[in-house]
Amino acid sequence: MTAGKAFTKIVLPQAFRIALPNMWTFLISLLKSTSLIYMIGVVDIIGRAQAIGSATSHSLESYIIIALVFTVFSLLLQLPYGFVEKKLSFKNSIKEADK
């Protein structure tokens, strides 16, 4: 087996499995803290909640809905990671090797 083939077939998949959780966490935090997303999303949504709160005096409900929206957004970002992690897990590799 050549060095290039050994790298792509053995070393790279193992390194990817080890690095995947950190890469995914970094991606999620990058998307959450990007200035463009922050300026468009957070400022706009909080501004609307303040407007609704001042018009209807239901500020708490507005902020609870905002918290739920951001929680759902975070969960939607984490769903693909769970699928990929399950697909690349070590136990899954052992099961496939036994077949």
N, C-alpha and C. Protein backbone atom coordinates (compact mmCIF):
# COMPACT_ATOMS: atom_id res chain seq x y z
N MET A 1 0.84 -1.17 0.00
CA MET A 1 0.00 0.00 0.00
C MET A 1 0.90 1.24 0.00
N THR A 2 0.58 2.16 -0.88
CA THR A 2 1.38 3.37 -0.97
C THR A 2 1.07 4.30 0.20
N ALA A 3 1.96 5.24 0.42
CA ALA A 3 1.78 6.18 1.53
C ALA A 3 0.53 7.04 1.35
N GLY A 4 0.27 7.45 0.13
CA GLY A 4 -0.93 8.26 -0.14
C GLY A 4 -2.21 7.50 0.10
N LYS A 5 -2.22 6.24 -0.35
CA LYS A 5 -3.41 5.42 -0.17
C LYS A 5 -3.62 5.09 1.32
N ALA A 6 -2.54 4.83 2.04
CA ALA A 6 -2.64 4.56 3.47
C ALA A 6 -3.17 5.79 4.20
N PHE A 7 -2.72 6.96 3.79
CA PHE A 7 -3.19 8.19 4.42
C PHE A 7 -4.69 8.38 4.21
N THR A 8 -5.14 8.20 2.95
CA THR A 8 -6.56 8.44 2.66
C THR A 8 -7.47 7.35 3.19
N LYS A 9 -6.99 6.13 3.30
CA LYS A 9 -7.84 5.02 3.74
C LYS A 9 -7.78 4.77 5.24
N ILE A 10 -6.68 5.13 5.90
CA ILE A 10 -6.52 4.79 7.31
C ILE A 10 -6.42 6.04 8.19
N VAL A 11 -5.47 6.90 7.91
CA VAL A 11 -5.19 8.03 8.80
C VAL A 11 -6.28 9.09 8.72
N LEU A 12 -6.67 9.49 7.54
CA LEU A 12 -7.66 10.56 7.37
C LEU A 12 -9.01 10.23 8.00
N PRO A 13 -9.58 9.03 7.81
CA PRO A 13 -10.85 8.73 8.48
C PRO A 13 -10.75 8.76 10.01
N GLN A 14 -9.65 8.28 10.55
CA GLN A 14 -9.49 8.32 12.01
C GLN A 14 -9.36 9.75 12.51
N ALA A 15 -8.60 10.55 11.81
CA ALA A 15 -8.44 11.96 12.21
C ALA A 15 -9.76 12.71 12.09
N PHE A 16 -10.53 12.41 11.07
CA PHE A 16 -11.83 13.07 10.89
C PHE A 16 -12.77 12.73 12.03
N ARG A 17 -12.80 11.47 12.44
CA ARG A 17 -13.66 11.06 13.56
C ARG A 17 -13.27 11.78 14.85
N ILE A 18 -11.99 11.97 15.05
CA ILE A 18 -11.53 12.64 16.27
C ILE A 18 -11.82 14.15 16.20
N ALA A 19 -11.64 14.75 15.05
CA ALA A 19 -11.78 16.20 14.91
C ALA A 19 -13.21 16.66 14.70
N LEU A 20 -14.11 15.78 14.33
CA LEU A 20 -15.48 16.17 13.97
C LEU A 20 -16.21 16.92 15.09
N PRO A 21 -16.21 16.45 16.34
CA PRO A 21 -16.95 17.20 17.36
C PRO A 21 -16.46 18.64 17.53
N ASN A 22 -15.15 18.85 17.52
CA ASN A 22 -14.62 20.20 17.65
C ASN A 22 -14.95 21.07 16.45
N MET A 23 -14.88 20.49 15.26
CA MET A 23 -15.20 21.25 14.06
C MET A 23 -16.66 21.67 14.07
N TRP A 24 -17.55 20.75 14.46
CA TRP A 24 -18.98 21.05 14.45
C TRP A 24 -19.33 22.12 15.49
N THR A 25 -18.72 22.02 16.68
CA THR A 25 -18.96 23.02 17.71
C THR A 25 -18.48 24.39 17.24
N PHE A 26 -17.32 24.43 16.59
CA PHE A 26 -16.81 25.68 16.06
C PHE A 26 -17.74 26.24 14.99
N LEU A 27 -18.27 25.39 14.11
CA LEU A 27 -19.18 25.84 13.06
C LEU A 27 -20.44 26.44 13.66
N ILE A 28 -21.01 25.78 14.66
CA ILE A 28 -22.23 26.29 15.28
C ILE A 28 -21.96 27.62 15.97
N SER A 29 -20.87 27.71 16.71
CA SER A 29 -20.57 28.98 17.39
C SER A 29 -20.26 30.08 16.38
N LEU A 30 -19.63 29.72 15.27
CA LEU A 30 -19.33 30.71 14.23
C LEU A 30 -20.62 31.25 13.63
N LEU A 31 -21.57 30.35 13.35
CA LEU A 31 -22.84 30.80 12.78
C LEU A 31 -23.64 31.63 13.77
N LYS A 32 -23.57 31.28 15.04
CA LYS A 32 -24.31 32.04 16.04
C LYS A 32 -23.70 33.41 16.28
N SER A 33 -22.39 33.51 16.22
CA SER A 33 -21.75 34.76 16.59
C SER A 33 -21.28 35.60 15.40
N THR A 34 -21.60 35.20 14.21
CA THR A 34 -21.22 35.99 13.05
C THR A 34 -21.91 37.35 13.13
N SER A 35 -21.18 38.38 12.86
CA SER A 35 -21.72 39.73 13.02
C SER A 35 -22.92 39.98 12.11
N LEU A 36 -22.91 39.43 10.92
CA LEU A 36 -24.04 39.63 10.00
C LEU A 36 -25.29 38.97 10.55
N ILE A 37 -25.16 37.73 11.00
CA ILE A 37 -26.30 37.02 11.57
C ILE A 37 -26.78 37.76 12.81
N TYR A 38 -25.84 38.22 13.62
CA TYR A 38 -26.20 38.94 14.83
C TYR A 38 -26.95 40.22 14.49
N MET A 39 -26.42 40.98 13.56
CA MET A 39 -27.04 42.27 13.24
C MET A 39 -28.42 42.09 12.63
N ILE A 40 -28.56 41.12 11.75
CA ILE A 40 -29.85 40.91 11.10
C ILE A 40 -30.82 40.22 12.05
N GLY A 41 -30.36 39.14 12.65
CA GLY A 41 -31.26 38.31 13.44
C GLY A 41 -31.59 38.86 14.81
N VAL A 42 -30.57 39.03 15.64
CA VAL A 42 -30.81 39.37 17.04
C VAL A 42 -31.40 40.76 17.18
N VAL A 43 -30.81 41.74 16.53
CA VAL A 43 -31.30 43.11 16.67
C VAL A 43 -32.72 43.23 16.12
N ASP A 44 -32.98 42.61 15.00
CA ASP A 44 -34.32 42.68 14.40
C ASP A 44 -35.36 41.98 15.28
N ILE A 45 -35.04 40.80 15.75
CA ILE A 45 -36.01 40.04 16.54
C ILE A 45 -36.24 40.70 17.89
N ILE A 46 -35.20 41.16 18.55
CA ILE A 46 -35.38 41.83 19.84
C ILE A 46 -36.11 43.15 19.67
N GLY A 47 -35.83 43.86 18.59
CA GLY A 47 -36.56 45.10 18.31
C GLY A 47 -38.04 44.86 18.12
N ARG A 48 -38.37 43.80 17.41
CA ARG A 48 -39.78 43.47 17.22
C ARG A 48 -40.43 43.07 18.54
N ALA A 49 -39.70 42.33 19.36
CA ALA A 49 -40.24 41.92 20.67
C ALA A 49 -40.49 43.14 21.55
N GLN A 50 -39.57 44.10 21.51
CA GLN A 50 -39.78 45.32 22.29
C GLN A 50 -40.99 46.10 21.78
N ALA A 51 -41.16 46.15 20.45
CA ALA A 51 -42.32 46.84 19.89
C ALA A 51 -43.61 46.14 20.28
N ILE A 52 -43.63 44.83 20.21
CA ILE A 52 -44.82 44.08 20.61
C ILE A 52 -45.08 44.25 22.11
N GLY A 53 -43.99 44.21 22.90
CA GLY A 53 -44.13 44.39 24.34
C GLY A 53 -44.66 45.75 24.72
N SER A 54 -44.21 46.78 24.03
CA SER A 54 -44.70 48.13 24.37
C SER A 54 -46.13 48.34 23.88
N ALA A 55 -46.51 47.69 22.79
CA ALA A 55 -47.86 47.85 22.27
C ALA A 55 -48.88 47.04 23.06
N THR A 56 -48.48 45.86 23.52
CA THR A 56 -49.44 44.97 24.18
C THR A 56 -49.14 44.74 25.65
N SER A 57 -48.05 45.28 26.13
CA SER A 57 -47.55 45.05 27.51
C SER A 57 -47.42 43.57 27.84
N HIS A 58 -46.95 42.81 26.85
CA HIS A 58 -46.64 41.38 27.02
C HIS A 58 -45.17 41.14 26.66
N SER A 59 -44.30 41.85 27.33
CA SER A 59 -42.87 41.76 27.01
C SER A 59 -42.29 40.40 27.34
N LEU A 60 -42.66 39.83 28.46
CA LEU A 60 -42.11 38.55 28.87
C LEU A 60 -42.42 37.46 27.86
N GLU A 61 -43.65 37.43 27.38
CA GLU A 61 -44.04 36.43 26.39
C GLU A 61 -43.22 36.58 25.11
N SER A 62 -42.98 37.82 24.72
CA SER A 62 -42.20 38.06 23.50
C SER A 62 -40.78 37.54 23.65
N TYR A 63 -40.17 37.78 24.80
CA TYR A 63 -38.80 37.32 25.02
C TYR A 63 -38.72 35.80 25.17
N ILE A 64 -39.76 35.20 25.70
CA ILE A 64 -39.80 33.72 25.79
C ILE A 64 -39.87 33.13 24.38
N ILE A 65 -40.66 33.75 23.51
CA ILE A 65 -40.75 33.26 22.13
C ILE A 65 -39.41 33.42 21.42
N ILE A 66 -38.72 34.52 21.67
CA ILE A 66 -37.38 34.71 21.09
C ILE A 66 -36.43 33.61 21.56
N ALA A 67 -36.46 33.31 22.85
CA ALA A 67 -35.60 32.26 23.39
C ALA A 67 -35.91 30.91 22.73
N LEU A 68 -37.19 30.64 22.52
CA LEU A 68 -37.58 29.39 21.85
C LEU A 68 -37.10 29.35 20.40
N VAL A 69 -37.17 30.49 19.71
CA VAL A 69 -36.71 30.54 18.31
C VAL A 69 -35.22 30.25 18.23
N PHE A 70 -34.43 30.87 19.11
CA PHE A 70 -32.99 30.62 19.08
C PHE A 70 -32.64 29.21 19.53
N THR A 71 -33.42 28.64 20.43
CA THR A 71 -33.20 27.25 20.84
C THR A 71 -33.48 26.31 19.68
N VAL A 72 -34.58 26.54 18.98
CA VAL A 72 -34.90 25.70 17.81
C VAL A 72 -33.83 25.85 16.74
N PHE A 73 -33.35 27.06 16.53
CA PHE A 73 -32.28 27.31 15.56
C PHE A 73 -31.03 26.50 15.92
N SER A 74 -30.67 26.52 17.19
CA SER A 74 -29.49 25.77 17.63
C SER A 74 -29.70 24.27 17.47
N LEU A 75 -30.88 23.80 17.79
CA LEU A 75 -31.16 22.36 17.65
C LEU A 75 -31.13 21.93 16.18
N LEU A 76 -31.64 22.79 15.31
CA LEU A 76 -31.60 22.46 13.88
C LEU A 76 -30.17 22.41 13.35
N LEU A 77 -29.29 23.21 13.94
CA LEU A 77 -27.89 23.14 13.55
C LEU A 77 -27.21 21.88 14.07
N GLN A 78 -27.70 21.35 15.18
CA GLN A 78 -27.08 20.18 15.79
C GLN A 78 -27.61 18.86 15.25
N LEU A 79 -28.77 18.85 14.61
CA LEU A 79 -29.33 17.61 14.08
C LEU A 79 -28.44 16.91 13.06
N PRO A 80 -27.92 17.62 12.07
CA PRO A 80 -27.04 16.93 11.12
C PRO A 80 -25.79 16.34 11.77
N TYR A 81 -25.30 17.00 12.82
CA TYR A 81 -24.12 16.49 13.50
C TYR A 81 -24.41 15.14 14.14
N GLY A 82 -25.58 14.97 14.74
CA GLY A 82 -25.93 13.68 15.34
C GLY A 82 -25.96 12.58 14.31
N PHE A 83 -26.49 12.88 13.14
CA PHE A 83 -26.55 11.89 12.07
C PHE A 83 -25.15 11.52 11.59
N VAL A 84 -24.31 12.52 11.38
CA VAL A 84 -22.95 12.26 10.90
C VAL A 84 -22.14 11.54 11.96
N GLU A 85 -22.29 11.93 13.22
CA GLU A 85 -21.55 11.27 14.29
C GLU A 85 -21.95 9.80 14.42
N LYS A 86 -23.24 9.52 14.28
CA LYS A 86 -23.69 8.13 14.35
C LYS A 86 -23.14 7.32 13.18
N LYS A 87 -23.11 7.94 12.02
CA LYS A 87 -22.60 7.26 10.83
C LYS A 87 -21.10 6.97 10.93
N LEU A 88 -20.35 7.87 11.57
CA LEU A 88 -18.91 7.72 11.66
C LEU A 88 -18.43 7.13 12.98
N SER A 89 -19.35 6.68 13.81
CA SER A 89 -18.94 6.18 15.12
C SER A 89 -18.10 4.91 14.99
N PHE A 90 -17.29 4.68 16.00
CA PHE A 90 -16.40 3.53 16.01
C PHE A 90 -17.20 2.23 16.07
N LYS A 91 -18.27 2.19 16.85
CA LYS A 91 -19.10 0.99 16.96
C LYS A 91 -19.73 0.64 15.61
N ASN A 92 -20.16 1.65 14.88
CA ASN A 92 -20.75 1.43 13.56
C ASN A 92 -19.71 0.83 12.61
N SER A 93 -18.46 1.28 12.71
CA SER A 93 -17.39 0.76 11.85
C SER A 93 -17.12 -0.70 12.14
N ILE A 94 -17.18 -1.07 13.40
CA ILE A 94 -16.94 -2.47 13.79
C ILE A 94 -18.06 -3.35 13.24
N LYS A 95 -19.30 -2.88 13.32
CA LYS A 95 -20.44 -3.65 12.81
C LYS A 95 -20.30 -3.86 11.30
N GLU A 96 -19.90 -2.83 10.59
CA GLU A 96 -19.75 -2.94 9.13
C GLU A 96 -18.60 -3.87 8.77
N ALA A 97 -17.56 -3.89 9.58
CA ALA A 97 -16.41 -4.75 9.31
C ALA A 97 -16.75 -6.23 9.53
N ASP A 98 -17.67 -6.49 10.46
CA ASP A 98 -18.07 -7.86 10.74
C ASP A 98 -18.94 -8.46 9.65
N LYS A 99 -19.58 -7.61 8.86
CA LYS A 99 -20.51 -8.11 7.82
C LYS A 99 -19.77 -8.76 6.69
